[in-house]
N, C-alpha and C. Protein backbone atom coordinates (compact mmCIF):
# COMPACT_ATOMS: atom_id res chain seq x y z
N UNK A 1 28.30 155.44 57.69
CA UNK A 1 28.53 155.04 56.31
C UNK A 1 27.91 156.07 55.37
N UNK A 2 28.60 156.41 54.33
CA UNK A 2 28.11 157.44 53.41
C UNK A 2 27.21 156.75 52.33
N UNK A 3 26.37 157.62 51.70
CA UNK A 3 25.47 157.08 50.70
C UNK A 3 26.21 156.47 49.49
N UNK A 4 27.37 157.05 49.12
CA UNK A 4 28.15 156.47 47.99
C UNK A 4 28.61 155.07 48.24
N UNK A 5 29.05 154.83 49.48
CA UNK A 5 29.50 153.47 49.83
C UNK A 5 28.32 152.49 49.79
N UNK A 6 27.23 152.91 50.35
CA UNK A 6 26.01 152.03 50.31
C UNK A 6 25.54 151.76 48.89
N UNK A 7 25.57 152.84 48.09
CA UNK A 7 25.14 152.64 46.69
C UNK A 7 26.05 151.71 45.96
N UNK A 8 27.34 151.83 46.16
CA UNK A 8 28.32 150.87 45.58
C UNK A 8 28.07 149.45 46.01
N UNK A 9 27.83 149.31 47.36
CA UNK A 9 27.56 147.96 47.93
C UNK A 9 26.35 147.39 47.33
N UNK A 10 25.24 148.10 47.25
CA UNK A 10 24.00 147.55 46.69
C UNK A 10 24.10 147.34 45.16
N UNK A 11 24.94 148.14 44.50
CA UNK A 11 25.15 147.92 43.07
C UNK A 11 25.81 146.59 42.84
N UNK A 12 26.86 146.25 43.61
CA UNK A 12 27.54 144.95 43.44
C UNK A 12 26.69 143.83 43.89
N UNK A 13 25.92 143.98 44.94
CA UNK A 13 24.95 142.95 45.38
C UNK A 13 23.94 142.67 44.23
N UNK A 14 23.44 143.72 43.64
CA UNK A 14 22.50 143.57 42.55
C UNK A 14 23.10 142.87 41.33
N UNK A 15 24.33 143.24 41.02
CA UNK A 15 25.03 142.59 39.88
C UNK A 15 25.27 141.13 40.18
N UNK A 16 25.83 140.79 41.30
CA UNK A 16 26.16 139.39 41.63
C UNK A 16 24.88 138.52 41.76
N UNK A 17 23.94 139.02 42.52
CA UNK A 17 22.69 138.19 42.69
C UNK A 17 21.91 138.16 41.42
N UNK A 18 21.88 139.22 40.62
CA UNK A 18 21.19 139.17 39.31
C UNK A 18 21.84 138.22 38.35
N UNK A 19 23.19 138.15 38.40
CA UNK A 19 23.92 137.20 37.56
C UNK A 19 23.56 135.76 37.99
N UNK A 20 23.52 135.55 39.27
CA UNK A 20 23.19 134.23 39.78
C UNK A 20 21.76 133.87 39.40
N UNK A 21 20.85 134.78 39.50
CA UNK A 21 19.44 134.51 39.12
C UNK A 21 19.35 134.18 37.63
N UNK A 22 19.98 134.99 36.79
CA UNK A 22 19.99 134.71 35.31
C UNK A 22 20.64 133.39 34.99
N UNK A 23 21.72 133.08 35.60
CA UNK A 23 22.44 131.84 35.37
C UNK A 23 21.54 130.65 35.74
N UNK A 24 20.96 130.73 36.89
CA UNK A 24 20.08 129.60 37.42
C UNK A 24 18.87 129.44 36.48
N UNK A 25 18.23 130.59 36.06
CA UNK A 25 17.08 130.50 35.21
C UNK A 25 17.43 129.87 33.87
N UNK A 26 18.55 130.33 33.27
CA UNK A 26 19.02 129.79 32.00
C UNK A 26 19.30 128.31 32.11
N UNK A 27 20.00 127.89 33.23
CA UNK A 27 20.30 126.52 33.43
C UNK A 27 19.03 125.63 33.56
N UNK A 28 18.05 126.15 34.28
CA UNK A 28 16.78 125.37 34.48
C UNK A 28 16.01 125.33 33.20
N UNK A 29 16.12 126.35 32.38
CA UNK A 29 15.34 126.30 31.11
C UNK A 29 16.04 125.54 29.99
N UNK A 30 17.38 125.59 29.97
CA UNK A 30 18.11 124.98 28.88
C UNK A 30 18.48 123.53 29.13
N UNK A 31 18.64 123.14 30.38
CA UNK A 31 19.07 121.80 30.75
C UNK A 31 18.33 121.25 31.95
N UNK A 32 17.01 121.16 31.83
CA UNK A 32 16.25 120.77 33.03
C UNK A 32 16.55 119.31 33.41
N UNK A 33 16.81 118.46 32.44
CA UNK A 33 17.13 117.03 32.75
C UNK A 33 18.42 116.90 33.48
N UNK A 34 19.43 117.71 33.12
CA UNK A 34 20.71 117.68 33.83
C UNK A 34 20.56 118.14 35.27
N UNK A 35 19.82 119.21 35.50
CA UNK A 35 19.56 119.67 36.83
C UNK A 35 18.82 118.69 37.69
N UNK A 36 17.82 117.99 37.05
CA UNK A 36 17.03 116.99 37.74
C UNK A 36 17.93 115.80 38.10
N UNK A 37 18.74 115.36 37.17
CA UNK A 37 19.66 114.22 37.45
C UNK A 37 20.59 114.45 38.60
N UNK A 38 21.20 115.68 38.61
CA UNK A 38 22.15 116.02 39.61
C UNK A 38 21.45 116.10 41.01
N UNK A 39 20.31 116.75 41.01
CA UNK A 39 19.65 116.88 42.33
C UNK A 39 19.03 115.55 42.80
N UNK A 40 18.63 114.73 41.84
CA UNK A 40 17.99 113.46 42.18
C UNK A 40 18.96 112.51 42.89
N UNK A 41 20.23 112.69 42.68
CA UNK A 41 21.17 111.85 43.39
C UNK A 41 21.18 112.17 44.89
N UNK A 42 21.01 113.41 45.24
CA UNK A 42 20.97 113.81 46.64
C UNK A 42 19.56 113.68 47.27
N UNK A 43 18.58 114.13 46.52
CA UNK A 43 17.18 114.16 47.00
C UNK A 43 16.33 113.43 46.00
N UNK A 44 16.06 112.15 46.19
CA UNK A 44 15.21 111.47 45.26
C UNK A 44 13.70 111.95 45.38
N UNK A 45 13.25 112.58 44.30
CA UNK A 45 11.90 113.15 44.22
C UNK A 45 11.30 112.78 42.92
N UNK A 46 10.00 112.66 42.79
CA UNK A 46 9.38 112.52 41.50
C UNK A 46 9.58 113.77 40.65
N UNK A 47 9.61 113.65 39.41
CA UNK A 47 9.91 114.80 38.50
C UNK A 47 8.90 115.95 38.67
N UNK A 48 7.70 115.67 38.83
CA UNK A 48 6.62 116.73 39.02
C UNK A 48 6.86 117.49 40.28
N UNK A 49 7.19 116.82 41.39
CA UNK A 49 7.50 117.50 42.64
C UNK A 49 8.74 118.34 42.49
N UNK A 50 9.76 117.83 41.84
CA UNK A 50 10.98 118.53 41.64
C UNK A 50 10.73 119.80 40.85
N UNK A 51 9.87 119.76 39.80
CA UNK A 51 9.60 120.92 38.98
C UNK A 51 8.90 122.04 39.81
N UNK A 52 7.93 121.58 40.64
CA UNK A 52 7.26 122.55 41.50
C UNK A 52 8.21 123.22 42.45
N UNK A 53 9.05 122.42 43.06
CA UNK A 53 10.00 122.97 44.05
C UNK A 53 10.97 123.92 43.40
N UNK A 54 11.61 123.54 42.30
CA UNK A 54 12.68 124.30 41.69
C UNK A 54 12.13 125.66 41.13
N UNK A 55 10.94 125.63 40.55
CA UNK A 55 10.43 126.83 39.99
C UNK A 55 9.83 127.74 41.10
N UNK A 56 9.37 127.12 42.17
CA UNK A 56 8.90 127.95 43.37
C UNK A 56 10.11 128.62 43.99
N UNK A 57 11.19 127.89 44.15
CA UNK A 57 12.36 128.50 44.73
C UNK A 57 12.95 129.55 43.81
N UNK A 58 12.91 129.38 42.56
CA UNK A 58 13.35 130.39 41.58
C UNK A 58 12.52 131.66 41.69
N UNK A 59 11.19 131.46 41.80
CA UNK A 59 10.32 132.62 41.95
C UNK A 59 10.53 133.33 43.26
N UNK A 60 10.75 132.61 44.36
CA UNK A 60 11.02 133.23 45.65
C UNK A 60 12.35 133.93 45.64
N UNK A 61 13.35 133.38 45.00
CA UNK A 61 14.66 134.07 44.90
C UNK A 61 14.54 135.39 44.14
N UNK A 62 13.70 135.35 43.09
CA UNK A 62 13.51 136.56 42.31
C UNK A 62 12.83 137.62 43.11
N UNK A 63 11.86 137.30 43.92
CA UNK A 63 11.17 138.28 44.78
C UNK A 63 12.16 138.85 45.81
N UNK A 64 12.88 137.96 46.42
CA UNK A 64 13.87 138.43 47.45
C UNK A 64 14.95 139.27 46.81
N UNK A 65 15.39 138.93 45.60
CA UNK A 65 16.33 139.71 44.87
C UNK A 65 15.83 141.11 44.63
N UNK A 66 14.60 141.21 44.18
CA UNK A 66 14.06 142.54 43.87
C UNK A 66 13.85 143.33 45.13
N UNK A 67 13.35 142.74 46.16
CA UNK A 67 13.04 143.50 47.41
C UNK A 67 14.31 143.92 48.14
N UNK A 68 15.28 143.03 48.24
CA UNK A 68 16.38 143.33 49.08
C UNK A 68 17.68 143.78 48.31
N UNK A 69 17.66 143.75 46.99
CA UNK A 69 18.81 144.25 46.19
C UNK A 69 18.43 145.41 45.34
N UNK A 70 17.49 145.19 44.45
CA UNK A 70 17.17 146.21 43.45
C UNK A 70 16.47 147.47 44.10
N UNK A 71 15.47 147.22 44.93
CA UNK A 71 14.81 148.35 45.51
C UNK A 71 15.69 149.28 46.35
N UNK A 72 16.50 148.71 47.26
CA UNK A 72 17.42 149.60 48.00
C UNK A 72 18.36 150.31 47.08
N UNK A 73 18.90 149.64 46.04
CA UNK A 73 19.83 150.28 45.13
C UNK A 73 19.18 151.47 44.39
N UNK A 74 17.95 151.27 43.93
CA UNK A 74 17.24 152.33 43.19
C UNK A 74 16.95 153.43 44.17
N UNK A 75 16.57 153.14 45.40
CA UNK A 75 16.28 154.15 46.38
C UNK A 75 17.50 154.99 46.69
N UNK A 76 18.67 154.34 46.78
CA UNK A 76 19.90 155.05 47.09
C UNK A 76 20.31 155.87 45.87
N UNK A 77 20.05 155.44 44.68
CA UNK A 77 20.33 156.24 43.48
C UNK A 77 19.48 157.50 43.48
N UNK A 78 18.19 157.36 43.84
CA UNK A 78 17.32 158.47 43.85
C UNK A 78 17.75 159.44 44.95
N UNK A 79 18.17 158.98 46.13
CA UNK A 79 18.59 159.86 47.22
C UNK A 79 19.92 160.55 46.89
N UNK A 80 20.80 159.87 46.19
CA UNK A 80 22.12 160.40 45.93
C UNK A 80 22.12 161.36 44.81
């Protein structure tokens, strides 16, 4: 596989996963009650526990996004 193909692949991965991360963060910040009500139907949890879980998962997703999408993309841009 050539560097241009990998660069394009990681560019689109970064765009799609970054969009998902931004959408999820905006949704959790702008409508936290809606997110809680929807999730509470499937997983009944106290609100405090839900907040800890959702923001921990959001932080973990951000770290994984940076490590596995952004860093390889930037490295390929530097190499190319």
